[in-house]
């Protein structure tokens, strides 16, 4: 029996279509594309190069003796190869990308245009500062926006990712304790059970002992457990707010008060700042250090789209220990404070060779200025609205991990509703691929059994949310109706089928080798 989907096209629910295999390996517009090393053309090059001058004798024993080991491709072949590969991947420009905790949002093209302007895209970090005054002014403006939005007096722009920002914040905290003579006694960092995995990893990397803090049944920090573990041996706490369960820590002021009374510092993981930007200033909550993922809150590309950036805002107590460099405004222009002396005498050092990711600074400031303060406030409101819409539309079929009250920027479900169906969270996620959607984050946070963490972000329209929700509802109904085969073999329609993930983890193949019988290696 056919029904109509949300876009008016006929569908046949609860049935996996049986289709003959194609003769070429391609499927419609999806070409069967081999690895580039399996391509023809090992004896050619895609460009004409002039004959080299000389014999290469001056290279000594560095002269190449064997084939270079790369296929030669013409420009059309190279273009087609990468376009075909791109068609095998999900992308934010294709559909909603509902990864929880990752904030996979649209990257406005205006930002890209600004980042490609001469004076931003073609400058070099070793240029004289007098020749890059515009770039320094942009960094100064970005710092101003970040400090204003967070209510913090200082910011380090140079960290290149969220985890790098965590490292920056904890090293500033360590430097502060060293300056006060307490570093040798304060050797512990308290981290909630629902924290991002990078939090305890970063604390351990800096040399601290990690102590876990319990959470309450409603998904927040257990304040009583935190209080019992605070003491003169604690250097800092690391709390994500809103937390990884998609909930605001309503006891955040008490957490801050207890931490400071114990002489420790409050590090806030700012990965989820997009849920409160323009609405709440972390500095008003007593935060001492917080990293800000520019890709999550301010739309710079995430992952393969470009390098990361994780600036860290610091309280007055930690500002002096910020890493070099930073920008200062002088009467006749701007300059970088780059040496750990003079103005930066207490800086704990440097985190990278130069000043961080200039292209990401341009994109982030472009996003801020195009939205304005009222637009950034709406960013947070829309992110929260979209997540609660998904939670409300799916709660009758799926089981919210924390059903009471609204969520923040992401909706979290557990696998209680799948009991008795023989379908697992992984099976359900694989079936989503067949429906044209990237799976949500699975099995995280670890405190929720079979977790399904969905973050729609603020850039999705109601139409796209409804399309996603209807697919989720149809899959949930199929699972409850006993259509197990749809899930256990999924994905059926993806370019590659489900991997044996256990074997892949235990016996990974990390090196490509030529197919047996191939003459590739001999050419």
Protein backbone atom coordinates (compact mmCIF):
# COMPACT_ATOMS: atom_id res chain seq x y z
CA UNK A 1 0.00 0.00 0.00
CA UNK A 2 1.51 3.31 -1.05
CA UNK A 3 1.39 6.49 1.02
CA UNK A 4 2.56 10.03 0.37
CA UNK A 5 5.69 11.44 2.01
CA UNK A 6 6.14 15.03 3.19
CA UNK A 7 7.05 16.26 -0.29
CA UNK A 8 4.10 14.56 -2.00
CA UNK A 9 5.94 11.64 -3.55
CA UNK A 10 4.56 8.10 -3.29
CA UNK A 11 6.41 5.83 -0.89
CA UNK A 12 6.15 2.19 0.13
CA UNK A 13 6.85 2.07 3.86
CA UNK A 14 8.17 -0.96 5.74
CA UNK A 15 9.50 -2.58 2.59
CA UNK A 16 13.07 -2.84 1.33
CA UNK A 17 12.96 -2.72 -2.46
CA UNK A 18 14.68 -5.55 -4.31
CA UNK A 19 16.74 -4.12 -7.16
CA UNK A 20 19.01 -5.93 -9.61
CA UNK A 21 22.69 -5.13 -9.37
CA UNK A 22 23.95 -2.86 -12.13
CA UNK A 23 26.38 -4.21 -14.71
CA UNK A 24 28.99 -1.47 -14.20
CA UNK A 25 28.93 -0.97 -10.46
CA UNK A 26 27.51 2.53 -10.92
CA UNK A 27 24.05 3.39 -9.63
CA UNK A 28 22.22 6.11 -11.53
CA UNK A 29 24.21 9.30 -11.10
CA UNK A 30 26.58 7.66 -8.62
CA UNK A 31 29.62 6.43 -10.51
CA UNK A 32 31.64 3.42 -9.42
CA UNK A 33 34.91 5.15 -8.53
CA UNK A 34 38.10 3.33 -7.62
CA UNK A 35 40.90 4.60 -5.45
CA UNK A 36 43.19 7.00 -7.25
CA UNK A 37 46.00 4.44 -6.93
CA UNK A 38 43.88 1.96 -8.88
CA UNK A 39 43.46 4.35 -11.82
CA UNK A 40 45.14 3.97 -15.19
CA UNK A 41 47.79 6.41 -16.25
CA UNK A 42 50.87 5.40 -14.30
CA UNK A 43 53.03 6.15 -17.29
CA UNK A 44 51.71 9.65 -18.03
CA UNK A 45 51.45 13.10 -16.57
CA UNK A 46 48.60 15.55 -16.80
CA UNK A 47 50.83 18.54 -17.56
CA UNK A 48 53.70 19.33 -19.89
CA UNK A 49 56.86 20.14 -17.98
CA UNK A 50 60.01 21.68 -19.46
CA UNK A 51 63.06 19.49 -19.72
CA UNK A 52 65.14 19.94 -16.56
CA UNK A 53 68.39 21.83 -16.86
CA UNK A 54 71.46 19.90 -15.88
CA UNK A 55 71.75 16.24 -14.98
CA UNK A 56 70.80 16.27 -11.34
CA UNK A 57 74.33 15.32 -10.36
CA UNK A 58 74.30 18.05 -7.72
CA UNK A 59 71.61 16.06 -5.85
CA UNK A 60 74.07 13.32 -5.01
CA UNK A 61 72.35 10.22 -3.65
CA UNK A 62 68.99 12.05 -3.55
CA UNK A 63 68.36 11.43 -7.27
CA UNK A 64 65.19 9.34 -7.73
CA UNK A 65 65.97 5.79 -8.74
CA UNK A 66 62.43 4.33 -8.89
CA UNK A 67 59.02 5.46 -10.20
CA UNK A 68 57.41 8.09 -8.04
CA UNK A 69 54.44 5.84 -7.33
CA UNK A 70 51.64 8.22 -8.28
CA UNK A 71 49.20 7.93 -11.20
CA UNK A 72 49.12 10.68 -13.77
CA UNK A 73 45.75 12.33 -14.30
CA UNK A 74 44.53 14.87 -16.81
CA UNK A 75 42.54 17.82 -15.45
CA UNK A 76 39.13 16.30 -16.39
CA UNK A 77 40.15 13.00 -14.77
CA UNK A 78 41.26 14.73 -11.59
CA UNK A 79 38.08 16.81 -11.40
CA UNK A 80 35.83 13.83 -12.01
CA UNK A 81 37.64 11.73 -9.43
CA UNK A 82 37.05 14.21 -6.62
CA UNK A 83 33.51 15.12 -7.70
CA UNK A 84 32.59 11.43 -7.72
CA UNK A 85 34.09 11.00 -4.27
CA UNK A 86 32.14 14.01 -3.01
CA UNK A 87 28.90 12.36 -4.16
CA UNK A 88 29.58 9.46 -1.83
CA UNK A 89 29.74 11.69 1.25
CA UNK A 90 27.05 13.42 3.22
CA UNK A 91 27.49 17.20 3.42
CA UNK A 92 25.88 20.12 5.19
CA UNK A 93 25.08 21.56 1.74
CA UNK A 94 23.13 18.39 0.90
CA UNK A 95 20.84 17.94 3.92
CA UNK A 96 20.56 18.35 7.67
CA UNK A 97 23.65 17.00 9.46
CA UNK A 98 22.21 16.08 12.88
CA UNK A 99 25.39 15.18 14.76
CA UNK A 100 24.87 16.00 18.43
CA UNK A 101 27.57 18.04 20.17
CA UNK A 102 29.27 18.85 16.85
CA UNK A 103 27.08 21.71 15.56
CA UNK A 104 27.29 20.98 11.84
CA UNK A 105 25.75 24.20 10.55
CA UNK A 106 25.62 26.12 7.29
CA UNK A 107 28.73 28.14 6.44
CA UNK A 108 27.55 31.40 4.79
CA UNK A 109 29.25 32.10 1.45
CA UNK A 110 29.68 35.72 2.47
CA UNK A 111 32.25 34.55 5.01
CA UNK A 112 34.18 32.72 2.30
CA UNK A 113 34.14 35.81 0.07
CA UNK A 114 35.57 37.95 2.88
CA UNK A 115 38.29 35.41 3.69
CA UNK A 116 39.45 35.53 0.07
CA UNK A 117 39.92 39.29 -0.03
CA UNK A 118 43.46 40.47 -0.80
CA UNK A 119 45.08 41.50 2.44
CA UNK A 120 43.58 38.57 4.30
CA UNK A 121 44.17 35.61 2.01
CA UNK A 122 47.66 36.47 0.76
CA UNK A 123 49.48 37.86 3.79
CA UNK A 124 52.39 36.13 5.50
CA UNK A 125 52.96 35.89 9.28
CA UNK A 126 56.55 37.14 8.90
CA UNK A 127 55.56 40.38 7.16
CA UNK A 128 56.43 43.58 9.01
CA UNK A 129 53.55 44.55 11.29
CA UNK A 130 53.32 47.92 9.57
CA UNK A 131 52.18 46.12 6.38
CA UNK A 132 49.36 44.09 8.00
CA UNK A 133 47.57 46.74 10.02
CA UNK A 134 44.20 45.77 8.56
CA UNK A 135 44.63 42.15 9.62
CA UNK A 136 45.70 43.20 13.13
CA UNK A 137 42.69 45.51 13.37
CA UNK A 138 40.42 42.61 12.38
CA UNK A 139 41.96 40.44 15.11
CA UNK A 140 41.43 43.26 17.59
CA UNK A 141 37.77 43.59 16.57
CA UNK A 142 37.24 39.83 16.82
CA UNK A 143 38.76 39.86 20.30
CA UNK A 144 36.43 42.73 21.24
CA UNK A 145 33.35 40.80 20.08
CA UNK A 146 34.41 37.64 21.93
CA UNK A 147 35.12 39.54 25.15
CA UNK A 148 31.85 41.45 24.92
CA UNK A 149 29.74 38.36 24.22
CA UNK A 150 31.30 36.42 27.10
CA UNK A 151 31.76 39.23 29.62
CA UNK A 152 35.45 38.36 30.00
CA UNK A 153 38.35 40.86 30.01
CA UNK A 154 40.93 38.92 27.98
CA UNK A 155 41.09 36.47 25.10
CA UNK A 156 43.78 34.30 23.54
CA UNK A 157 43.08 33.93 19.82
CA UNK A 158 45.88 31.53 18.89
CA UNK A 159 44.46 28.10 19.97
CA UNK A 160 43.62 26.15 16.85
CA UNK A 161 40.78 23.93 18.05
CA UNK A 162 38.56 23.19 21.02
CA UNK A 163 40.98 20.72 22.61
CA UNK A 164 43.84 23.14 21.95
CA UNK A 165 41.76 25.78 23.74
CA UNK A 166 41.27 23.45 26.70
CA UNK A 167 45.04 23.05 26.83
CA UNK A 168 45.42 26.84 26.78
CA UNK A 169 42.95 27.34 29.62
CA UNK A 170 44.46 24.67 31.85
CA UNK A 171 47.99 25.92 31.20
CA UNK A 172 46.89 29.42 32.22
CA UNK A 173 45.39 27.93 35.39
CA UNK A 174 48.58 26.02 36.04
CA UNK A 175 50.66 29.18 35.54
CA UNK A 176 48.43 31.04 38.01
CA UNK A 177 48.91 28.33 40.65
CA UNK A 178 52.66 28.33 39.99
CA UNK A 179 52.72 32.10 40.52
CA UNK A 180 50.93 31.71 43.87
CA UNK A 181 53.14 28.80 44.94
CA UNK A 182 50.24 26.32 45.03
CA UNK A 183 50.95 24.22 41.96
CA UNK A 184 52.65 21.40 43.87
CA UNK A 185 49.67 20.93 46.17
CA UNK A 186 46.85 21.47 43.68
CA UNK A 187 47.19 18.41 41.48
CA UNK A 188 43.56 17.42 40.79
CA UNK A 189 41.00 18.49 38.19
CA UNK A 190 37.32 17.62 38.72
CA UNK A 191 35.39 16.56 35.61
CA UNK A 192 31.70 15.52 35.40
CA UNK A 193 30.82 12.09 34.02
CA UNK A 194 29.03 13.63 31.02
CA UNK A 195 32.00 15.76 29.92
CA UNK A 196 33.47 15.76 26.44
CA UNK A 197 36.20 13.15 26.27
CA UNK A 198 38.78 15.81 25.55
CA UNK A 199 38.26 17.34 29.02
CA UNK A 200 39.83 14.56 31.11
CA UNK A 201 42.36 13.87 28.35
CA UNK A 202 43.54 17.50 28.39
CA UNK A 203 43.75 17.60 32.18
CA UNK A 204 45.85 14.44 32.18
CA UNK A 205 48.05 15.81 29.40
CA UNK A 206 48.84 18.89 31.49
CA UNK A 207 49.83 16.60 34.36
CA UNK A 208 46.77 16.65 36.59
CA UNK A 209 44.96 13.73 38.19
CA UNK A 210 41.39 13.54 36.95
CA UNK A 211 38.60 13.00 39.49
CA UNK A 212 35.13 12.20 38.21
CA UNK A 213 32.09 14.09 39.49
CA UNK A 214 28.72 12.32 39.45
CA UNK A 215 25.61 13.64 37.77
CA UNK A 216 22.04 13.72 39.04
CA UNK A 217 19.15 11.72 37.63
CA UNK A 218 18.05 14.76 35.62
CA UNK A 219 21.40 15.06 33.81
CA UNK A 220 23.14 17.86 35.75
CA UNK A 221 26.27 18.07 37.90
CA UNK A 222 25.72 16.54 41.33
CA UNK A 223 26.58 19.60 43.42
CA UNK A 224 26.81 17.59 46.65
CA UNK A 225 29.34 15.22 45.08
CA UNK A 226 31.28 18.17 43.69
CA UNK A 227 31.39 19.87 47.09
CA UNK A 228 32.64 16.69 48.75
CA UNK A 229 35.58 16.49 46.32
CA UNK A 230 36.63 20.14 46.35
CA UNK A 231 39.58 20.95 48.57
CA UNK A 232 43.08 22.45 48.75
CA UNK A 233 44.36 19.77 46.36
CA UNK A 234 42.03 20.78 43.50
CA UNK A 235 43.38 23.07 40.77
CA UNK A 236 40.23 23.43 38.66
CA UNK A 237 36.92 22.03 37.62
CA UNK A 238 35.93 21.50 33.97
CA UNK A 239 32.19 21.84 33.35
CA UNK A 240 30.42 22.03 29.98
CA UNK A 241 27.47 24.42 29.97
CA UNK A 242 25.06 23.79 28.37
CA UNK A 243 26.21 20.26 29.06
CA UNK A 244 26.61 17.26 26.78
CA UNK A 245 23.13 16.03 27.65
CA UNK A 246 21.79 19.21 26.04
CA UNK A 247 20.82 20.76 29.39
CA UNK A 248 21.68 24.02 31.10
CA UNK A 249 23.41 23.63 34.46
CA UNK A 250 20.86 25.41 36.64
CA UNK A 251 23.20 25.26 39.69
CA UNK A 252 26.01 26.96 37.77
CA UNK A 253 26.29 29.89 40.21
CA UNK A 254 26.58 27.53 43.18
CA UNK A 255 29.15 25.46 41.30
CA UNK A 256 31.17 28.62 40.68
CA UNK A 257 30.89 29.78 44.30
CA UNK A 258 32.01 26.43 45.74
CA UNK A 259 34.92 26.23 43.29
CA UNK A 260 36.27 29.68 44.11
CA UNK A 261 35.81 29.18 47.86
CA UNK A 262 38.07 26.14 47.54
CA UNK A 263 40.73 28.25 45.79
CA UNK A 264 40.26 26.45 42.45
CA UNK A 265 39.49 27.88 39.01
CA UNK A 266 36.38 27.28 36.92
CA UNK A 267 37.12 26.07 33.38
CA UNK A 268 34.00 26.00 31.21
CA UNK A 269 33.96 23.93 28.04
CA UNK A 270 32.40 26.41 25.61
CA UNK A 271 31.67 23.93 22.83
CA UNK A 272 27.94 24.61 23.22
CA UNK A 273 28.14 28.39 23.43
CA UNK A 274 25.91 28.69 20.36
CA UNK A 275 22.99 27.70 22.60
CA UNK A 276 23.41 30.76 24.84
CA UNK A 277 25.33 33.35 22.79
CA UNK A 278 23.69 36.75 23.17
CA UNK A 279 21.58 35.42 26.04
CA UNK A 280 24.06 34.54 28.80
CA UNK A 281 27.57 35.87 29.47
CA UNK A 282 29.79 33.15 30.99
CA UNK A 283 31.78 35.80 32.85
CA UNK A 284 28.64 36.62 34.83
CA UNK A 285 28.46 32.98 35.90
CA UNK A 286 31.92 33.04 37.48
CA UNK A 287 33.78 31.29 34.67
CA UNK A 288 37.58 31.80 34.69
CA UNK A 289 38.44 30.29 31.32
CA UNK A 290 36.38 29.07 28.39
CA UNK A 291 37.25 28.03 24.87
CA UNK A 292 34.96 28.98 22.00
CA UNK A 293 34.78 26.77 18.93
CA UNK A 294 34.50 29.26 16.07
CA UNK A 295 33.10 26.52 13.81
CA UNK A 296 30.29 25.73 16.24
CA UNK A 297 29.13 29.16 17.30
CA UNK A 298 30.37 31.41 14.51
CA UNK A 299 30.03 29.18 11.43
CA UNK A 300 33.65 28.77 10.31
CA UNK A 301 34.10 25.47 8.41
CA UNK A 302 34.11 22.31 10.49
CA UNK A 303 36.43 19.40 9.79
CA UNK A 304 37.45 18.95 6.16
CA UNK A 305 36.25 22.45 5.26
CA UNK A 306 39.26 24.11 6.85
CA UNK A 307 41.45 24.43 9.92
CA UNK A 308 39.88 24.88 13.33
CA UNK A 309 40.04 27.77 15.76
CA UNK A 310 39.35 27.71 19.49
CA UNK A 311 39.97 31.11 21.13
CA UNK A 312 39.98 31.14 24.93
CA UNK A 313 38.46 33.92 27.01
CA UNK A 314 39.99 34.49 30.45
CA UNK A 315 38.87 36.12 33.69
CA UNK A 316 40.76 38.95 35.35
CA UNK A 317 42.46 36.40 37.62
CA UNK A 318 43.96 34.58 34.61
CA UNK A 319 44.37 37.38 32.05
CA UNK A 320 48.03 38.03 32.85
CA UNK A 321 48.90 34.40 32.10
CA UNK A 322 47.41 34.36 28.58
CA UNK A 323 49.79 32.96 25.94
CA UNK A 324 51.51 35.28 23.50
CA UNK A 325 50.81 36.73 21.03
CA UNK A 326 47.98 39.21 21.41
CA UNK A 327 47.04 42.45 19.67
CA UNK A 328 47.18 45.83 21.39
CA UNK A 329 45.96 49.15 20.01
CA UNK A 330 48.38 52.05 20.02
CA UNK A 331 47.75 55.66 19.10
CA UNK A 332 48.89 55.24 15.52
CA UNK A 333 47.91 51.62 14.86
CA UNK A 334 48.12 48.07 16.18
CA UNK A 335 50.94 45.82 17.26
CA UNK A 336 51.43 42.23 18.36
CA UNK A 337 52.82 41.47 21.80
CA UNK A 338 54.91 38.46 20.87
CA UNK A 339 57.67 37.99 23.44
CA UNK A 340 57.22 36.58 26.93
CA UNK A 341 58.70 39.65 28.55
CA UNK A 342 57.57 43.17 29.37
CA UNK A 343 53.80 43.26 28.85
CA UNK A 344 53.75 39.46 28.59
CA UNK A 345 56.11 38.71 31.47
CA UNK A 346 53.64 36.28 33.09
CA UNK A 347 52.47 34.63 29.87
CA UNK A 348 52.86 30.86 30.09
CA UNK A 349 54.47 30.80 26.62
CA UNK A 350 53.15 30.20 23.11
CA UNK A 351 50.72 27.65 21.71
CA UNK A 352 51.71 27.89 18.05
CA UNK A 353 54.41 29.37 15.89
CA UNK A 354 52.49 32.46 14.79
CA UNK A 355 49.10 34.04 15.51
CA UNK A 356 46.56 31.27 14.81
CA UNK A 357 44.15 30.78 11.91
CA UNK A 358 43.70 34.12 10.11
CA UNK A 359 41.14 32.77 7.64
CA UNK A 360 38.94 31.58 10.50
CA UNK A 361 39.16 34.98 12.18
CA UNK A 362 37.87 36.65 9.03
CA UNK A 363 35.01 34.20 8.63
CA UNK A 364 33.95 34.46 12.28
CA UNK A 365 33.99 38.26 12.36
CA UNK A 366 32.08 38.37 9.08
CA UNK A 367 29.40 36.17 10.68
CA UNK A 368 29.27 38.35 13.80
CA UNK A 369 29.02 41.63 11.91
CA UNK A 370 26.42 40.36 9.45
CA UNK A 371 24.22 39.16 12.34
CA UNK A 372 24.79 41.95 14.83
CA UNK A 373 24.13 41.51 18.53
CA UNK A 374 20.40 40.95 18.01
CA UNK A 375 21.05 38.37 15.30
CA UNK A 376 23.45 36.42 17.49
CA UNK A 377 20.82 36.35 20.21
CA UNK A 378 18.40 34.91 17.66
CA UNK A 379 21.01 32.28 16.75
CA UNK A 380 20.75 30.89 20.28
CA UNK A 381 16.97 31.15 20.36
CA UNK A 382 16.56 29.34 17.04
CA UNK A 383 19.03 26.60 17.98
CA UNK A 384 17.08 25.89 21.16
CA UNK A 385 13.71 26.14 19.40
CA UNK A 386 14.73 23.67 16.69
CA UNK A 387 16.03 21.13 19.20
CA UNK A 388 12.89 21.32 21.30
CA UNK A 389 10.74 20.96 18.18
CA UNK A 390 12.52 17.70 17.34
CA UNK A 391 12.19 16.50 20.93
CA UNK A 392 8.47 17.29 20.99
CA UNK A 393 7.76 15.65 17.62
CA UNK A 394 9.63 12.41 18.42
CA UNK A 395 8.88 11.90 22.11
CA UNK A 396 5.74 9.82 21.51
CA UNK A 397 7.70 7.21 19.54
CA UNK A 398 11.20 7.50 21.00
CA UNK A 399 12.25 7.83 24.63
CA UNK A 400 13.86 11.14 25.67
CA UNK A 401 16.73 10.55 28.07
CA UNK A 402 15.57 13.47 30.21
CA UNK A 403 11.88 14.02 29.43
CA UNK A 404 11.13 16.67 32.04
CA UNK A 405 11.46 20.24 30.86
CA UNK A 406 12.97 21.71 27.70
CA UNK A 407 16.38 20.87 26.31
CA UNK A 408 18.85 23.40 25.00
CA UNK A 409 20.50 23.07 21.58
CA UNK A 410 20.28 19.29 21.21
CA UNK A 411 17.70 16.58 21.92
CA UNK A 412 18.94 13.41 23.60
CA UNK A 413 17.15 10.05 23.36
CA UNK A 414 18.10 6.68 24.86
CA UNK A 415 17.35 3.19 23.49
CA UNK A 416 14.64 2.26 25.99
CA UNK A 417 12.04 2.49 23.21
CA UNK A 418 13.94 -0.10 21.15
CA UNK A 419 13.72 -2.84 23.81
CA UNK A 420 12.12 -5.97 22.41
CA UNK A 421 12.55 -4.92 18.77
CA UNK A 422 15.95 -6.61 18.16
CA UNK A 423 17.04 -3.25 16.69
CA UNK A 424 19.99 -1.41 18.26
CA UNK A 425 20.99 2.23 18.16
CA UNK A 426 23.64 1.32 15.57
CA UNK A 427 21.08 -0.51 13.40
CA UNK A 428 18.75 2.48 13.53
CA UNK A 429 21.55 4.87 12.59
CA UNK A 430 22.59 2.73 9.62
CA UNK A 431 18.99 2.70 8.36
CA UNK A 432 19.00 6.52 8.45
CA UNK A 433 21.70 6.43 5.75
CA UNK A 434 19.30 4.62 3.42
CA UNK A 435 16.80 7.42 3.94
CA UNK A 436 19.39 10.02 2.88
CA UNK A 437 20.34 11.35 6.32
CA UNK A 438 23.60 11.32 8.19
CA UNK A 439 23.14 9.50 11.51
CA UNK A 440 22.95 11.45 14.72
CA UNK A 441 25.72 11.02 17.30
CA UNK A 442 25.49 7.49 18.70
CA UNK A 443 26.31 6.14 22.17
CA UNK A 444 27.39 9.54 23.48
CA UNK A 445 27.21 10.85 26.13
CA UNK A 446 28.25 7.62 27.81
CA UNK A 447 25.97 8.26 30.79
CA UNK A 448 22.93 7.50 28.60
CA UNK A 449 22.45 3.91 27.41
CA UNK A 450 22.27 3.60 23.63
CA UNK A 451 22.32 7.38 23.31
CA UNK A 452 21.02 9.15 20.20
CA UNK A 453 22.12 12.79 20.36
CA UNK A 454 20.50 15.07 17.77
CA UNK A 455 21.55 18.69 17.18
CA UNK A 456 19.63 20.39 14.37
CA UNK A 457 21.41 23.77 14.82
CA UNK A 458 19.75 27.10 14.12
CA UNK A 459 20.30 27.06 10.36
CA UNK A 460 17.68 24.43 9.53
CA UNK A 461 14.25 25.51 8.30
CA UNK A 462 11.02 24.00 9.60
CA UNK A 463 10.58 22.31 6.22
CA UNK A 464 13.90 20.50 6.53
CA UNK A 465 13.25 19.64 10.17
CA UNK A 466 9.87 18.15 9.20
CA UNK A 467 11.50 16.12 6.44
CA UNK A 468 14.00 14.73 8.93
CA UNK A 469 11.37 14.11 11.60
CA UNK A 470 9.05 12.24 9.24
CA UNK A 471 11.94 9.96 8.25
CA UNK A 472 12.77 9.32 11.91
CA UNK A 473 9.14 8.59 12.72
CA UNK A 474 8.79 6.20 9.79
CA UNK A 475 11.91 4.32 10.86
CA UNK A 476 10.75 4.19 14.49
CA UNK A 477 7.40 2.77 13.43
CA UNK A 478 9.13 0.19 11.22
CA UNK A 479 11.32 -0.91 14.14
CA UNK A 480 8.33 -1.27 16.43
CA UNK A 481 6.40 -3.15 13.74
CA UNK A 482 9.09 -5.85 13.63
CA UNK A 483 10.66 -4.95 10.28
CA UNK A 484 14.06 -6.06 11.60
CA UNK A 485 15.57 -6.91 8.20
CA UNK A 486 15.34 -3.25 7.18
CA UNK A 487 17.74 -2.40 10.02
CA UNK A 488 20.09 -5.37 10.42
CA UNK A 489 21.37 -5.20 6.85
CA UNK A 490 21.39 -1.42 6.50
CA UNK A 491 22.62 0.54 4.71
CA UNK A 492 21.40 -1.12 1.50
CA UNK A 493 21.61 1.93 -0.76
CA UNK A 494 24.93 3.48 0.29
CA UNK A 495 28.01 3.17 -1.96
CA UNK A 496 29.57 0.91 0.67
CA UNK A 497 27.79 -1.52 2.98
CA UNK A 498 28.17 -1.91 6.73
CA UNK A 499 31.69 -2.71 7.85
CA UNK A 500 32.73 -5.31 10.38
CA UNK A 501 33.64 -2.57 12.87
CA UNK A 502 35.07 -4.96 15.45
CA UNK A 503 37.46 -6.47 12.92
CA UNK A 504 38.31 -3.03 11.52
CA UNK A 505 39.30 -1.87 15.02
CA UNK A 506 41.30 -4.97 15.87
CA UNK A 507 42.87 -5.65 12.47
CA UNK A 508 43.10 -2.28 10.71
CA UNK A 509 44.64 -2.14 7.25
CA UNK A 510 46.70 1.03 7.34
CA UNK A 511 48.60 0.73 4.07
CA UNK A 512 47.33 0.51 0.49
CA UNK A 513 48.80 -2.30 -1.60
CA UNK A 514 48.37 -2.89 -5.31
CA UNK A 515 45.72 -5.47 -6.24
CA UNK A 516 47.05 -8.96 -6.85
CA UNK A 517 48.09 -9.45 -10.45
CA UNK A 518 48.31 -5.71 -11.04
CA UNK A 519 51.29 -4.22 -12.92
CA UNK A 520 50.97 -0.90 -11.07
CA UNK A 521 54.00 -1.45 -8.87
CA UNK A 522 56.14 -2.49 -11.83
CA UNK A 523 55.58 0.69 -13.85
